[in-house]
């Protein structure tokens, strides 16, 4: 009996270790939800409360991800036309390794950078995606920084550059590749511009080899920046994508068949990433500097090909920051600093308040609190409940577009040129 118990424990140990390591492995952590089960993090703090803070050798807006006690982070140096991925020790802030990749500089939106996509990581290593107008590149490295494979997916056409992040799910690397049709924005381009429409598609690559498992061609209208999430229902696992031309699309993860789609929802760009709540799927779009429409849709049975609109919101909708949904409450944190708390099931508004500032970073939920970071680096902390309550503000003192990562009780905050560690490791 003792021997059997010991064997059972030995079988369980790798699983427990892996679960801990997988706490924040992609943009916005578990399934892109922005939800952490950490406890003990403060609502306000001072410089002396950090475990460490470091100057990064590259700048950027991508978010950190973690595997075990290693942080993976990307950035660029436009002066040397070099993009980098860093591996940083989570306990000390020491850089363990760095890999640099040359690229050809090109036009970007003033708030974008050349390495803005957040990497993803698992026990086999880290995957990054970078683009130029001539090349959309996916690179897989092992945990020690040795390159395992790379795929050139062809040119990327986007007026403002790219930023959609890859995710790893069930042995696949998923990437949404929605590109711009220049005819829609020809007035932005010089008369002599020879720019053919980009080829848009959704793609799943084999995690270990980079070979294509499936690829779905899409209409090209506007470059997309939303990162997919995974929906598991009955015996089916679906990847959920949002995009301008196709609305919300669910793809059977293993076969690559479209399970359902609801289009005609919007006519402009998607930046906020889709989220899930029970049977509902959330998505949004916007234009200029603000969101225009947030929708909650209910898929019909898997394989039906259809979905229905349950409710929509057209006031105070985020364009860039992604949504938060927890304990039946939905939080929309807009680019212009207006935060709305709604009932996630019905869309009923509980409160709507202006917290000030401008925001690109997506909020995260920790122990009943919501942490949002403004573009100038002010952390605003709110109570995640039906009554509005501000709990604290902390100034990081520098431009911040990245979303924090949280793992084993520690929050890692990335500004343009710095990385901070806050909280006690569990």
Protein backbone atom coordinates (compact mmCIF):
# COMPACT_ATOMS: atom_id res chain seq x y z
CA UNK A 1 0.00 0.00 0.00
CA UNK A 2 2.82 2.38 0.92
CA UNK A 3 4.64 1.47 -2.28
CA UNK A 4 1.50 2.14 -4.32
CA UNK A 5 1.03 5.52 -2.62
CA UNK A 6 4.65 6.41 -3.29
CA UNK A 7 4.33 5.48 -6.95
CA UNK A 8 1.13 7.53 -7.21
CA UNK A 9 2.93 10.51 -5.70
CA UNK A 10 5.83 10.14 -8.14
CA UNK A 11 3.41 10.14 -11.05
CA UNK A 12 1.68 13.25 -9.72
CA UNK A 13 4.79 15.33 -9.10
CA UNK A 14 5.57 16.18 -12.76
CA UNK A 15 1.94 17.15 -13.29
CA UNK A 16 1.92 19.49 -10.29
CA UNK A 17 5.21 21.05 -11.35
CA UNK A 18 3.96 21.58 -14.88
CA UNK A 19 0.73 23.18 -13.69
CA UNK A 20 2.72 25.65 -11.60
CA UNK A 21 5.04 26.42 -14.50
CA UNK A 22 2.14 27.04 -16.86
CA UNK A 23 0.65 29.88 -14.82
CA UNK A 24 1.45 32.68 -17.29
CA UNK A 25 2.62 31.24 -20.60
CA UNK A 26 0.94 33.51 -23.15
CA UNK A 27 -0.49 37.00 -23.59
CA UNK A 28 -2.69 37.69 -20.54
CA UNK A 29 -1.99 34.36 -18.86
CA UNK A 30 -4.44 31.45 -18.55
CA UNK A 31 -6.35 31.26 -21.85
CA UNK A 32 -5.84 34.99 -22.28
CA UNK A 33 -8.20 35.76 -19.40
CA UNK A 34 -5.96 38.09 -17.40
CA UNK A 35 -7.01 36.18 -14.26
CA UNK A 36 -4.46 35.16 -11.61
CA UNK A 37 -5.03 33.10 -8.48
CA UNK A 38 -2.17 34.87 -6.69
CA UNK A 39 -2.68 36.22 -3.19
CA UNK A 40 -0.88 38.77 -1.06
CA UNK A 41 -0.04 41.33 -3.74
CA UNK A 42 -0.53 44.91 -2.54
CA UNK A 43 -2.99 47.49 -3.87
CA UNK A 44 -0.33 50.19 -3.51
CA UNK A 45 3.43 50.09 -3.01
CA UNK A 46 6.67 52.08 -3.08
CA UNK A 47 10.10 51.62 -4.65
CA UNK A 48 11.32 49.71 -1.60
CA UNK A 49 8.69 46.99 -2.06
CA UNK A 50 10.12 45.62 -5.31
CA UNK A 51 12.11 42.40 -5.15
CA UNK A 52 14.23 43.84 -7.93
CA UNK A 53 14.04 46.24 -10.86
CA UNK A 54 16.28 46.11 -13.92
CA UNK A 55 17.06 48.18 -16.99
CA UNK A 56 16.30 46.14 -20.08
CA UNK A 57 18.88 46.12 -22.91
CA UNK A 58 16.06 46.54 -25.46
CA UNK A 59 12.83 48.53 -25.42
CA UNK A 60 9.34 47.46 -26.40
CA UNK A 61 5.70 46.85 -25.58
CA UNK A 62 5.38 43.06 -25.64
CA UNK A 63 4.33 41.43 -22.38
CA UNK A 64 6.45 39.02 -20.32
CA UNK A 65 5.62 35.30 -20.07
CA UNK A 66 7.02 32.68 -17.69
CA UNK A 67 7.96 29.04 -17.51
CA UNK A 68 9.16 27.86 -14.12
CA UNK A 69 11.56 30.52 -12.87
CA UNK A 70 12.40 31.94 -16.28
CA UNK A 71 10.87 35.09 -17.77
CA UNK A 72 10.80 35.44 -21.56
CA UNK A 73 10.56 38.90 -23.09
CA UNK A 74 11.13 40.53 -26.49
CA UNK A 75 12.20 43.98 -27.60
CA UNK A 76 13.98 45.86 -30.36
CA UNK A 77 16.73 48.35 -31.08
CA UNK A 78 15.67 50.43 -34.12
CA UNK A 79 19.11 52.06 -34.34
CA UNK A 80 20.78 48.71 -35.08
CA UNK A 81 17.75 47.12 -36.82
CA UNK A 82 17.84 44.25 -34.34
CA UNK A 83 15.08 42.38 -32.51
CA UNK A 84 15.81 40.33 -29.41
CA UNK A 85 14.34 37.72 -27.13
CA UNK A 86 15.60 37.63 -23.55
CA UNK A 87 15.48 34.96 -20.87
CA UNK A 88 15.58 36.51 -17.39
CA UNK A 89 15.90 34.77 -14.04
CA UNK A 90 12.67 35.46 -12.12
CA UNK A 91 14.40 35.33 -8.72
CA UNK A 92 17.20 37.81 -9.40
CA UNK A 93 16.41 39.71 -12.60
CA UNK A 94 19.67 38.46 -14.15
CA UNK A 95 19.66 37.95 -17.92
CA UNK A 96 20.33 34.24 -18.56
CA UNK A 97 20.55 34.48 -22.34
CA UNK A 98 19.74 36.75 -25.25
CA UNK A 99 19.21 36.03 -28.94
CA UNK A 100 19.32 38.83 -31.53
CA UNK A 101 17.77 38.83 -35.02
CA UNK A 102 18.41 41.42 -37.71
CA UNK A 103 15.47 42.88 -39.64
CA UNK A 104 14.75 45.63 -42.17
CA UNK A 105 13.22 48.73 -40.63
CA UNK A 106 9.83 49.82 -42.02
CA UNK A 107 6.96 52.17 -41.34
CA UNK A 108 4.94 51.58 -38.15
CA UNK A 109 2.26 53.36 -36.20
CA UNK A 110 3.95 55.77 -33.77
CA UNK A 111 2.85 53.63 -30.81
CA UNK A 112 3.85 50.28 -32.28
CA UNK A 113 7.31 48.71 -32.25
CA UNK A 114 9.09 45.99 -34.19
CA UNK A 115 8.67 43.29 -31.53
CA UNK A 116 5.25 44.06 -30.07
CA UNK A 117 3.84 40.51 -30.26
CA UNK A 118 4.00 38.66 -26.93
CA UNK A 119 5.77 35.26 -27.05
CA UNK A 120 4.28 32.01 -25.74
CA UNK A 121 6.10 29.24 -23.88
CA UNK A 122 5.72 25.62 -22.76
CA UNK A 123 7.99 22.82 -21.53
CA UNK A 124 9.58 22.58 -24.99
CA UNK A 125 10.55 26.23 -25.24
CA UNK A 126 9.38 29.60 -26.44
CA UNK A 127 7.68 30.67 -29.70
CA UNK A 128 7.80 34.20 -31.13
CA UNK A 129 6.24 35.87 -34.18
CA UNK A 130 7.70 38.93 -35.91
CA UNK A 131 6.93 40.63 -39.17
CA UNK A 132 8.19 42.98 -41.85
CA UNK A 133 6.25 43.91 -45.00
CA UNK A 134 8.14 41.10 -46.73
CA UNK A 135 8.02 38.42 -44.06
CA UNK A 136 5.83 37.06 -41.27
CA UNK A 137 8.22 34.91 -39.28
CA UNK A 138 7.49 32.33 -36.56
CA UNK A 139 10.53 31.07 -34.59
CA UNK A 140 10.66 28.30 -31.98
CA UNK A 141 13.55 28.08 -29.51
CA UNK A 142 14.12 25.66 -26.66
CA UNK A 143 14.26 26.87 -23.06
CA UNK A 144 18.01 27.48 -23.42
CA UNK A 145 17.59 29.70 -26.47
CA UNK A 146 18.64 27.22 -29.16
CA UNK A 147 16.58 27.59 -32.31
CA UNK A 148 14.53 24.47 -33.15
CA UNK A 149 12.63 25.61 -36.23
CA UNK A 150 11.38 28.66 -38.08
CA UNK A 151 8.62 29.32 -40.62
CA UNK A 152 8.38 32.16 -43.11
CA UNK A 153 4.64 32.61 -43.70
CA UNK A 154 5.02 35.16 -46.49
CA UNK A 155 4.64 38.96 -46.63
CA UNK A 156 2.70 40.90 -44.02
CA UNK A 157 0.73 43.94 -45.19
CA UNK A 158 -0.49 46.20 -42.41
CA UNK A 159 -0.65 49.98 -42.31
CA UNK A 160 0.43 50.12 -38.65
CA UNK A 161 2.62 47.00 -38.50
CA UNK A 162 1.70 43.74 -36.79
CA UNK A 163 1.15 42.68 -33.18
CA UNK A 164 -0.96 39.52 -33.02
CA UNK A 165 0.61 37.03 -30.60
CA UNK A 166 0.93 33.24 -31.06
CA UNK A 167 -0.50 30.75 -28.57
CA UNK A 168 0.24 27.07 -27.89
CA UNK A 169 -2.64 24.62 -27.45
CA UNK A 170 -2.85 20.82 -27.66
CA UNK A 171 0.41 20.38 -29.54
CA UNK A 172 -0.20 23.25 -31.97
CA UNK A 173 1.00 26.82 -32.40
CA UNK A 174 -1.90 29.07 -33.43
CA UNK A 175 -1.59 32.42 -35.14
CA UNK A 176 -4.18 34.80 -36.60
CA UNK A 177 -2.85 36.50 -39.73
CA UNK A 178 -5.41 39.10 -40.82
CA UNK A 179 -3.85 41.58 -43.22
CA UNK A 180 -4.82 44.88 -44.82
CA UNK A 181 -6.35 45.39 -48.24
CA UNK A 182 -4.60 48.64 -49.31
CA UNK A 183 -7.58 49.64 -51.47
CA UNK A 184 -9.47 50.50 -48.29
CA UNK A 185 -6.78 52.97 -47.25
CA UNK A 186 -5.17 54.01 -50.52
CA UNK A 187 -5.43 57.65 -49.48
CA UNK A 188 -2.77 56.93 -46.81
CA UNK A 189 -0.27 55.53 -49.30
CA UNK A 190 2.01 57.49 -51.66
CA UNK A 191 0.87 57.50 -55.30
CA UNK A 192 3.82 55.37 -56.39
CA UNK A 193 3.23 52.67 -53.76
CA UNK A 194 3.21 49.18 -55.31
CA UNK A 195 1.51 47.25 -52.54
CA UNK A 196 -0.55 44.19 -53.36
CA UNK A 197 -3.15 42.96 -50.85
CA UNK A 198 -1.77 40.70 -48.15
CA UNK A 199 -2.90 37.08 -47.94
CA UNK A 200 -4.89 36.63 -44.75
CA UNK A 201 -5.25 33.26 -43.04
CA UNK A 202 -5.56 31.42 -39.75
CA UNK A 203 -2.87 28.81 -39.22
CA UNK A 204 -1.97 25.96 -36.88
CA UNK A 205 1.62 24.72 -36.89
CA UNK A 206 2.84 21.49 -35.35
CA UNK A 207 4.44 22.49 -32.06
CA UNK A 208 7.52 20.29 -32.43
CA UNK A 209 8.30 20.77 -36.13
CA UNK A 210 6.61 23.95 -37.38
CA UNK A 211 4.87 22.04 -40.16
CA UNK A 212 1.38 23.19 -41.10
CA UNK A 213 -1.45 21.18 -39.52
CA UNK A 214 -4.17 23.33 -41.06
CA UNK A 215 -4.59 26.70 -42.74
CA UNK A 216 -7.79 28.65 -43.41
CA UNK A 217 -7.76 31.39 -46.03
CA UNK A 218 -9.47 34.64 -45.04
CA UNK A 219 -10.64 37.78 -46.79
CA UNK A 220 -8.19 40.67 -46.40
CA UNK A 221 -9.65 43.94 -45.11
CA UNK A 222 -7.74 45.26 -42.09
CA UNK A 223 -4.75 43.97 -40.15
CA UNK A 224 -5.86 42.22 -36.96
CA UNK A 225 -4.20 42.30 -33.56
CA UNK A 226 -6.42 40.05 -31.43
CA UNK A 227 -4.90 36.92 -29.87
CA UNK A 228 -7.09 33.76 -29.96
CA UNK A 229 -8.39 31.82 -26.97
CA UNK A 230 -9.46 28.19 -26.57
CA UNK A 231 -13.04 27.03 -25.96
CA UNK A 232 -13.63 23.48 -24.74
CA UNK A 233 -17.20 22.22 -25.04
CA UNK A 234 -18.44 18.63 -24.90
CA UNK A 235 -15.89 16.58 -26.82
CA UNK A 236 -14.84 19.51 -29.02
CA UNK A 237 -11.99 21.96 -28.57
CA UNK A 238 -12.26 25.18 -30.56
CA UNK A 239 -9.89 28.05 -31.23
CA UNK A 240 -11.75 31.39 -31.12
CA UNK A 241 -10.58 34.15 -33.46
CA UNK A 242 -11.88 37.67 -34.11
CA UNK A 243 -11.26 39.73 -37.25
CA UNK A 244 -12.73 42.52 -39.34
CA UNK A 245 -13.91 40.51 -42.34
CA UNK A 246 -15.18 37.42 -40.50
CA UNK A 247 -16.43 38.65 -37.13
CA UNK A 248 -16.01 35.81 -34.62
CA UNK A 249 -14.81 32.45 -35.92
CA UNK A 250 -14.54 29.13 -34.07
CA UNK A 251 -12.24 26.49 -35.56
CA UNK A 252 -12.08 22.84 -34.51
CA UNK A 253 -8.58 22.72 -33.10
CA UNK A 254 -7.57 19.33 -34.47
CA UNK A 255 -9.31 19.23 -37.85
CA UNK A 256 -9.16 22.87 -38.86
CA UNK A 257 -12.83 22.86 -39.81
CA UNK A 258 -14.86 25.97 -39.00
CA UNK A 259 -17.32 25.01 -36.24
CA UNK A 260 -19.31 28.23 -36.36
CA UNK A 261 -18.95 31.84 -37.38
CA UNK A 262 -20.94 35.02 -36.88
CA UNK A 263 -19.93 37.82 -39.24
CA UNK A 264 -21.37 41.21 -40.10
CA UNK A 265 -20.61 42.38 -36.56
CA UNK A 266 -18.25 45.23 -37.40
CA UNK A 267 -16.46 47.03 -40.19
CA UNK A 268 -13.21 48.13 -38.62
CA UNK A 269 -10.18 46.75 -36.82
CA UNK A 270 -10.08 44.22 -33.98
CA UNK A 271 -7.42 44.68 -31.30
CA UNK A 272 -8.94 43.49 -28.00
CA UNK A 273 -8.70 39.72 -27.71
CA UNK A 274 -11.79 37.46 -27.40
CA UNK A 275 -12.89 36.20 -23.98
CA UNK A 276 -15.26 33.50 -22.70
CA UNK A 277 -17.97 33.35 -20.04
CA UNK A 278 -19.97 30.15 -19.78
CA UNK A 279 -21.62 29.67 -23.16
CA UNK A 280 -20.92 33.26 -24.23
CA UNK A 281 -18.06 34.50 -26.41
CA UNK A 282 -17.06 38.18 -26.24
CA UNK A 283 -15.42 40.30 -28.93
CA UNK A 284 -15.11 43.94 -29.99
CA UNK A 285 -13.92 46.31 -32.70
CA UNK A 286 -13.08 49.97 -32.98
CA UNK A 287 -11.60 52.70 -35.13
CA UNK A 288 -9.36 55.69 -34.63
CA UNK A 289 -8.65 55.96 -30.92
CA UNK A 290 -11.71 54.25 -29.46
CA UNK A 291 -13.81 51.11 -29.46
CA UNK A 292 -17.15 51.14 -31.25
CA UNK A 293 -18.97 47.92 -30.44
CA UNK A 294 -18.64 45.09 -27.93
CA UNK A 295 -20.67 41.93 -28.54
CA UNK A 296 -21.66 38.82 -26.60
CA UNK A 297 -22.57 35.90 -28.86
CA UNK A 298 -23.87 32.42 -28.11
CA UNK A 299 -22.70 29.62 -30.39
CA UNK A 300 -25.18 26.99 -31.43
CA UNK A 301 -24.19 23.32 -31.28
CA UNK A 302 -20.64 22.50 -32.49
CA UNK A 303 -20.55 22.10 -36.25
CA UNK A 304 -23.81 24.03 -36.78
CA UNK A 305 -21.92 26.85 -38.46
CA UNK A 306 -23.93 29.51 -36.67
CA UNK A 307 -23.92 31.80 -33.67
CA UNK A 308 -26.42 34.32 -32.34
CA UNK A 309 -25.99 37.82 -30.94
CA UNK A 310 -27.07 37.92 -27.27
CA UNK A 311 -26.34 41.57 -26.49
CA UNK A 312 -24.05 44.39 -27.53
CA UNK A 313 -22.55 47.51 -25.95
CA UNK A 314 -21.81 50.66 -27.93
CA UNK A 315 -20.89 53.06 -25.11
CA UNK A 316 -17.43 53.13 -23.50
CA UNK A 317 -15.99 50.18 -25.42
CA UNK A 318 -12.23 49.43 -25.43
CA UNK A 319 -10.28 49.34 -28.68
CA UNK A 320 -6.88 48.09 -27.46
CA UNK A 321 -7.26 46.86 -23.84
CA UNK A 322 -8.79 43.39 -23.61
CA UNK A 323 -11.76 42.61 -21.34
CA UNK A 324 -11.95 41.00 -17.92
CA UNK A 325 -14.72 38.64 -16.79
CA UNK A 326 -14.73 37.11 -13.31
CA UNK A 327 -17.40 35.98 -10.84
CA UNK A 328 -20.20 36.95 -13.21
CA UNK A 329 -18.89 40.49 -13.69
CA UNK A 330 -17.58 41.90 -16.96
CA UNK A 331 -15.16 44.83 -16.92
CA UNK A 332 -14.51 47.02 -19.96
CA UNK A 333 -11.49 49.32 -19.52
CA UNK A 334 -11.32 51.80 -22.38
CA UNK A 335 -8.35 53.45 -24.03
CA UNK A 336 -9.58 56.83 -22.69
CA UNK A 337 -9.71 55.70 -19.06
CA UNK A 338 -13.41 54.92 -18.62
CA UNK A 339 -14.12 51.65 -16.79
CA UNK A 340 -17.52 49.92 -16.91
CA UNK A 341 -18.70 47.02 -14.76
CA UNK A 342 -21.51 44.96 -16.29
CA UNK A 343 -23.37 41.78 -15.56
CA UNK A 344 -21.56 39.32 -17.82
CA UNK A 345 -24.66 37.29 -18.64
CA UNK A 346 -27.05 40.11 -19.52
CA UNK A 347 -24.90 43.17 -20.23
CA UNK A 348 -26.67 45.23 -17.54
CA UNK A 349 -24.46 48.11 -16.35
CA UNK A 350 -23.60 48.17 -12.64
CA UNK A 351 -21.35 51.23 -12.81
CA UNK A 352 -19.32 53.33 -15.22
CA UNK A 353 -16.57 55.64 -13.96
CA UNK A 354 -13.71 57.67 -15.44
CA UNK A 355 -10.36 56.89 -13.83
CA UNK A 356 -8.35 59.20 -16.08
CA UNK A 357 -5.38 58.59 -18.33
CA UNK A 358 -4.99 56.75 -21.63
CA UNK A 359 -4.51 52.98 -21.78
CA UNK A 360 -3.08 50.31 -24.09
CA UNK A 361 -2.15 47.75 -21.42
CA UNK A 362 -4.88 45.20 -20.66
CA UNK A 363 -6.11 44.93 -17.06
CA UNK A 364 -5.44 41.88 -14.88
CA UNK A 365 -7.48 40.46 -11.97
CA UNK A 366 -5.71 39.51 -8.72
CA UNK A 367 -7.47 38.62 -5.46
CA UNK A 368 -10.60 40.69 -6.08
CA UNK A 369 -8.71 43.66 -7.51
CA UNK A 370 -8.19 44.95 -11.04
CA UNK A 371 -4.82 46.40 -12.04
CA UNK A 372 -4.69 48.65 -15.12
CA UNK A 373 -1.63 50.59 -16.32
CA UNK A 374 -1.89 53.84 -18.27
CA UNK A 375 0.25 54.69 -21.29
CA UNK A 376 2.38 57.00 -19.15
CA UNK A 377 2.95 54.28 -16.54
CA UNK A 378 0.41 54.90 -13.78
CA UNK A 379 -0.99 51.73 -12.21
CA UNK A 380 -4.65 52.18 -11.24
CA UNK A 381 -6.10 49.57 -8.85
CA UNK A 382 -9.88 49.09 -8.54
CA UNK A 383 -12.08 46.76 -6.53
CA UNK A 384 -13.57 44.06 -8.78
CA UNK A 385 -17.12 44.30 -7.45
CA UNK A 386 -20.57 45.72 -8.22
CA UNK A 387 -19.79 49.03 -6.50
CA UNK A 388 -17.01 51.29 -7.79
CA UNK A 389 -14.06 51.67 -5.44
CA UNK A 390 -10.57 52.90 -6.20
CA UNK A 391 -7.94 51.20 -4.05
CA UNK A 392 -4.66 52.74 -5.10
CA UNK A 393 -2.37 54.36 -7.67
CA UNK A 394 1.33 53.81 -8.29
CA UNK A 395 3.46 55.71 -10.81
CA UNK A 396 6.01 53.60 -12.70
CA UNK A 397 7.40 56.80 -14.22
CA UNK A 398 7.72 55.63 -17.83
CA UNK A 399 5.70 54.79 -20.92
CA UNK A 400 3.96 51.43 -20.49
CA UNK A 401 2.01 49.51 -23.13
CA UNK A 402 2.68 45.96 -21.85
CA UNK A 403 0.32 43.87 -19.73
CA UNK A 404 1.70 42.54 -16.41
CA UNK A 405 2.46 38.85 -15.90
CA UNK A 406 1.69 37.07 -12.62
CA UNK A 407 3.19 33.75 -11.54
CA UNK A 408 3.68 32.03 -8.17
CA UNK A 409 2.51 35.08 -6.25
CA UNK A 410 4.74 37.59 -8.04
CA UNK A 411 3.70 40.30 -10.51
CA UNK A 412 6.15 41.36 -13.22
CA UNK A 413 5.58 44.84 -14.64
CA UNK A 414 7.24 45.81 -17.91
CA UNK A 415 7.63 49.47 -18.89
CA UNK A 416 9.28 50.59 -22.10
CA UNK A 417 12.81 50.04 -20.75
CA UNK A 418 12.46 48.43 -17.31
CA UNK A 419 11.16 45.27 -15.65
CA UNK A 420 9.95 45.09 -12.04
CA UNK A 421 9.29 42.15 -9.70
CA UNK A 422 6.68 42.69 -6.96
CA UNK A 423 5.36 40.20 -4.36
CA UNK A 424 6.58 37.16 -2.52
CA UNK A 425 7.07 33.91 -4.39
CA UNK A 426 4.75 31.16 -3.10
